[in-house]
Amino acid sequence: MSKEVVDSKKLPPPAAPYSHAFKVKGGALLFISGQVPEDANGKLASPGDFEAQALKVFENLKIVVEEAGGTVSDIFKLTVLLTDQSQWKPFSQLRGRVFTQWGMKHPPASTLLIVKSLAKPEWMVEIEGIALLRK
């Protein structure tokens, strides 16, 4: 199994901490459903606190990948949903810090969408992903 970052000089540089694409060969794909800012008991993390909710979502992503036998470095694609346009830049900065803490040399390919609402109105962020497990 191999994972190779694809960075073309024919594309604009990423506007935030993400990679344009990854080419993968072999391994097992893990499709991660949208993770939300709740704990294992369904309790909302820090109502109204965007950063705390985003950190909880990243923590939940990490839990899913590790439960499946992988590591965060196996994540190669994320789709981020935010409910507030003004949180784009703070989220981008937070994502960069998380990826650095995770030791990711090449951040995952990423799409960020601003949506009117998520399934529960108190959720401010949701992230889904795809990982390639090396088992």
C-alpha atoms as a PDB file:
ATOM      1  CA  MET A   1       0.000   0.000   0.000  1.00  0.00           C
ATOM      2  CA  SER A   2       1.242   3.457  -0.796  1.00  0.00           C
ATOM      3  CA  LYS A   3      -0.060   6.982  -0.490  1.00  0.00           C
ATOM      4  CA  GLU A   4       1.478   9.715  -2.621  1.00  0.00           C
ATOM      5  CA  VAL A   5       0.635  13.423  -2.390  1.00  0.00           C
ATOM      6  CA  VAL A   6      -0.331  15.038  -5.709  1.00  0.00           C
ATOM      7  CA  ASP A   7       0.648  18.710  -5.853  1.00  0.00           C
ATOM      8  CA  SER A   8       0.515  20.191  -9.328  1.00  0.00           C
ATOM      9  CA  LYS A   9       2.267  23.415 -10.247  1.00  0.00           C
ATOM     10  CA  LYS A  10      -0.648  23.945 -12.670  1.00  0.00           C
ATOM     11  CA  LEU A  11      -3.042  24.525  -9.725  1.00  0.00           C
ATOM     12  CA  PRO A  12      -3.150  27.403  -7.273  1.00  0.00           C
ATOM     13  CA  PRO A  13      -1.515  26.608  -3.945  1.00  0.00           C
ATOM     14  CA  PRO A  14      -3.949  25.406  -1.275  1.00  0.00           C
ATOM     15  CA  ALA A  15      -5.720  28.325   0.420  1.00  0.00           C
ATOM     16  CA  ALA A  16      -5.586  26.519   3.787  1.00  0.00           C
ATOM     17  CA  PRO A  17      -3.825  23.530   5.359  1.00  0.00           C
ATOM     18  CA  TYR A  18      -4.816  20.788   2.898  1.00  0.00           C
ATOM     19  CA  SER A  19      -3.358  18.843  -0.013  1.00  0.00           C
ATOM     20  CA  HIS A  20      -4.982  18.879  -3.436  1.00  0.00           C
ATOM     21  CA  ALA A  21      -5.099  15.112  -3.809  1.00  0.00           C
ATOM     22  CA  PHE A  22      -3.546  11.766  -2.957  1.00  0.00           C
ATOM     23  CA  LYS A  23      -2.903   8.765  -5.171  1.00  0.00           C
ATOM     24  CA  VAL A  24      -3.338   5.502  -3.274  1.00  0.00           C
ATOM     25  CA  LYS A  25      -2.506   1.910  -4.139  1.00  0.00           C
ATOM     26  CA  GLY A  26      -3.466  -1.148  -2.093  1.00  0.00           C
ATOM     27  CA  GLY A  27      -4.775  -1.236   1.479  1.00  0.00           C
ATOM     28  CA  ALA A  28      -8.325  -1.044   2.805  1.00  0.00           C
ATOM     29  CA  LEU A  29     -10.473   2.045   2.348  1.00  0.00           C
ATOM     30  CA  LEU A  30     -12.268   3.392   5.410  1.00  0.00           C
ATOM     31  CA  PHE A  31     -15.205   5.724   4.744  1.00  0.00           C
ATOM     32  CA  ILE A  32     -15.808   7.843   7.850  1.00  0.00           C
ATOM     33  CA  SER A  33     -19.302   9.227   8.327  1.00  0.00           C
ATOM     34  CA  GLY A  34     -19.684  12.847   9.326  1.00  0.00           C
ATOM     35  CA  GLN A  35     -18.349  13.235  12.850  1.00  0.00           C
ATOM     36  CA  VAL A  36     -20.117  15.732  15.074  1.00  0.00           C
ATOM     37  CA  PRO A  37     -19.276  17.546  18.323  1.00  0.00           C
ATOM     38  CA  GLU A  38     -20.768  14.994  20.705  1.00  0.00           C
ATOM     39  CA  ASP A  39     -19.252  12.509  23.128  1.00  0.00           C
ATOM     40  CA  ALA A  40     -19.990   8.768  23.321  1.00  0.00           C
ATOM     41  CA  ASN A  41     -23.145   9.492  25.346  1.00  0.00           C
ATOM     42  CA  GLY A  42     -24.497  11.915  22.739  1.00  0.00           C
ATOM     43  CA  LYS A  43     -23.720  14.960  24.885  1.00  0.00           C
ATOM     44  CA  LEU A  44     -22.936  18.131  22.932  1.00  0.00           C
ATOM     45  CA  ALA A  45     -19.396  19.427  23.465  1.00  0.00           C
ATOM     46  CA  SER A  46     -19.323  23.046  24.595  1.00  0.00           C
ATOM     47  CA  PRO A  47     -22.591  24.537  23.271  1.00  0.00           C
ATOM     48  CA  GLY A  48     -21.901  27.733  21.321  1.00  0.00           C
ATOM     49  CA  ASP A  49     -18.091  27.332  21.435  1.00  0.00           C
ATOM     50  CA  PHE A  50     -16.966  26.810  17.847  1.00  0.00           C
ATOM     51  CA  GLU A  51     -13.328  25.939  18.587  1.00  0.00           C
ATOM     52  CA  ALA A  52     -14.210  23.398  21.284  1.00  0.00           C
ATOM     53  CA  GLN A  53     -16.752  21.776  18.973  1.00  0.00           C
ATOM     54  CA  ALA A  54     -14.245  21.588  16.110  1.00  0.00           C
ATOM     55  CA  LEU A  55     -11.627  20.023  18.399  1.00  0.00           C
ATOM     56  CA  LYS A  56     -14.178  17.422  19.542  1.00  0.00           C
ATOM     57  CA  VAL A  57     -14.964  16.565  15.912  1.00  0.00           C
ATOM     58  CA  PHE A  58     -11.254  16.068  15.161  1.00  0.00           C
ATOM     59  CA  GLU A  59     -10.956  13.909  18.284  1.00  0.00           C
ATOM     60  CA  ASN A  60     -13.893  11.803  17.061  1.00  0.00           C
ATOM     61  CA  LEU A  61     -12.256  11.377  13.635  1.00  0.00           C
ATOM     62  CA  LYS A  62      -9.091  10.161  15.350  1.00  0.00           C
ATOM     63  CA  ILE A  63     -11.093   7.702  17.464  1.00  0.00           C
ATOM     64  CA  VAL A  64     -12.823   6.203  14.411  1.00  0.00           C
ATOM     65  CA  VAL A  65      -9.590   5.713  12.464  1.00  0.00           C
ATOM     66  CA  GLU A  66      -7.817   4.156  15.436  1.00  0.00           C
ATOM     67  CA  GLU A  67     -10.784   1.879  16.211  1.00  0.00           C
ATOM     68  CA  ALA A  68     -10.533   0.644  12.614  1.00  0.00           C
ATOM     69  CA  GLY A  69      -6.848  -0.185  13.114  1.00  0.00           C
ATOM     70  CA  GLY A  70      -5.330   2.869  11.467  1.00  0.00           C
ATOM     71  CA  THR A  71      -3.757   6.163  12.429  1.00  0.00           C
ATOM     72  CA  VAL A  72      -4.622   9.763  11.602  1.00  0.00           C
ATOM     73  CA  SER A  73      -1.877   9.754   8.966  1.00  0.00           C
ATOM     74  CA  ASP A  74      -4.043   7.256   7.034  1.00  0.00           C
ATOM     75  CA  ILE A  75      -6.705   9.953   6.456  1.00  0.00           C
ATOM     76  CA  PHE A  76      -6.369  11.310   2.930  1.00  0.00           C
ATOM     77  CA  LYS A  77      -9.685  13.130   2.298  1.00  0.00           C
ATOM     78  CA  LEU A  78     -11.925  15.304   4.480  1.00  0.00           C
ATOM     79  CA  THR A  79     -15.183  17.091   3.783  1.00  0.00           C
ATOM     80  CA  VAL A  80     -15.873  19.874   6.279  1.00  0.00           C
ATOM     81  CA  LEU A  81     -19.293  21.418   6.888  1.00  0.00           C
ATOM     82  CA  LEU A  82     -19.500  24.726   8.774  1.00  0.00           C
ATOM     83  CA  THR A  83     -22.664  26.632   9.625  1.00  0.00           C
ATOM     84  CA  ASP A  84     -21.053  30.084   9.830  1.00  0.00           C
ATOM     85  CA  GLN A  85     -18.990  31.679   7.064  1.00  0.00           C
ATOM     86  CA  SER A  86     -17.113  33.805   9.618  1.00  0.00           C
ATOM     87  CA  GLN A  87     -15.628  30.614  11.132  1.00  0.00           C
ATOM     88  CA  TRP A  88     -13.763  29.663   7.932  1.00  0.00           C
ATOM     89  CA  LYS A  89     -10.475  31.355   8.853  1.00  0.00           C
ATOM     90  CA  PRO A  90     -10.505  30.318  12.538  1.00  0.00           C
ATOM     91  CA  PHE A  91     -11.272  26.756  11.422  1.00  0.00           C
ATOM     92  CA  SER A  92      -8.434  26.834   8.905  1.00  0.00           C
ATOM     93  CA  GLN A  93      -5.987  27.912  11.609  1.00  0.00           C
ATOM     94  CA  LEU A  94      -7.276  25.289  14.040  1.00  0.00           C
ATOM     95  CA  ARG A  95      -7.075  22.579  11.372  1.00  0.00           C
ATOM     96  CA  GLY A  96      -3.446  23.516  10.747  1.00  0.00           C
ATOM     97  CA  ARG A  97      -2.655  23.195  14.464  1.00  0.00           C
ATOM     98  CA  VAL A  98      -4.415  19.816  14.673  1.00  0.00           C
ATOM     99  CA  PHE A  99      -2.572  18.458  11.627  1.00  0.00           C
ATOM    100  CA  THR A 100       0.733  19.655  13.088  1.00  0.00           C
ATOM    101  CA  GLN A 101      -0.052  17.969  16.427  1.00  0.00           C
ATOM    102  CA  TRP A 102      -0.950  14.810  14.512  1.00  0.00           C
ATOM    103  CA  GLY A 103       2.442  14.990  12.770  1.00  0.00           C
ATOM    104  CA  MET A 104       0.964  15.140   9.270  1.00  0.00           C
ATOM    105  CA  LYS A 105       3.608  16.184   6.751  1.00  0.00           C
ATOM    106  CA  HIS A 106       0.960  16.432   4.017  1.00  0.00           C
ATOM    107  CA  PRO A 107      -2.521  17.430   5.218  1.00  0.00           C
ATOM    108  CA  PRO A 108      -5.443  15.527   3.685  1.00  0.00           C
ATOM    109  CA  ALA A 109      -7.181  16.660   0.521  1.00  0.00           C
ATOM    110  CA  SER A 110     -10.124  18.724   1.715  1.00  0.00           C
ATOM    111  CA  THR A 111     -13.393  20.346   0.740  1.00  0.00           C
ATOM    112  CA  LEU A 112     -15.058  22.942   2.969  1.00  0.00           C
ATOM    113  CA  LEU A 113     -18.725  23.843   2.628  1.00  0.00           C
ATOM    114  CA  ILE A 114     -20.791  26.479   4.397  1.00  0.00           C
ATOM    115  CA  VAL A 115     -24.289  25.130   5.046  1.00  0.00           C
ATOM    116  CA  LYS A 116     -27.431  26.673   6.489  1.00  0.00           C
ATOM    117  CA  SER A 117     -27.709  24.070   9.237  1.00  0.00           C
ATOM    118  CA  LEU A 118     -26.595  20.593  10.250  1.00  0.00           C
ATOM    119  CA  ALA A 119     -28.897  17.787  11.459  1.00  0.00           C
ATOM    120  CA  LYS A 120     -28.969  19.335  14.939  1.00  0.00           C
ATOM    121  CA  PRO A 121     -29.030  23.151  15.005  1.00  0.00           C
ATOM    122  CA  GLU A 122     -26.561  23.287  17.928  1.00  0.00           C
ATOM    123  CA  TRP A 123     -23.845  21.567  15.876  1.00  0.00           C
ATOM    124  CA  MET A 124     -21.519  24.164  14.366  1.00  0.00           C
ATOM    125  CA  VAL A 125     -19.196  21.792  12.480  1.00  0.00           C
ATOM    126  CA  GLU A 126     -19.244  18.293  10.996  1.00  0.00           C
ATOM    127  CA  ILE A 127     -16.406  16.477   9.221  1.00  0.00           C
ATOM    128  CA  GLU A 128     -16.433  13.275   7.180  1.00  0.00           C
ATOM    129  CA  GLY A 129     -13.379  11.539   5.801  1.00  0.00           C
ATOM    130  CA  ILE A 130     -11.776   8.732   3.853  1.00  0.00           C
ATOM    131  CA  ALA A 131      -8.729   6.842   5.084  1.00  0.00           C
ATOM    132  CA  LEU A 132      -6.567   4.155   3.544  1.00  0.00           C
ATOM    133  CA  LEU A 133      -5.651   1.620   6.197  1.00  0.00           C
ATOM    134  CA  ARG A 134      -2.292  -0.070   5.704  1.00  0.00           C
ATOM    135  CA  LYS A 135      -3.364  -3.498   6.957  1.00  0.00           C
END
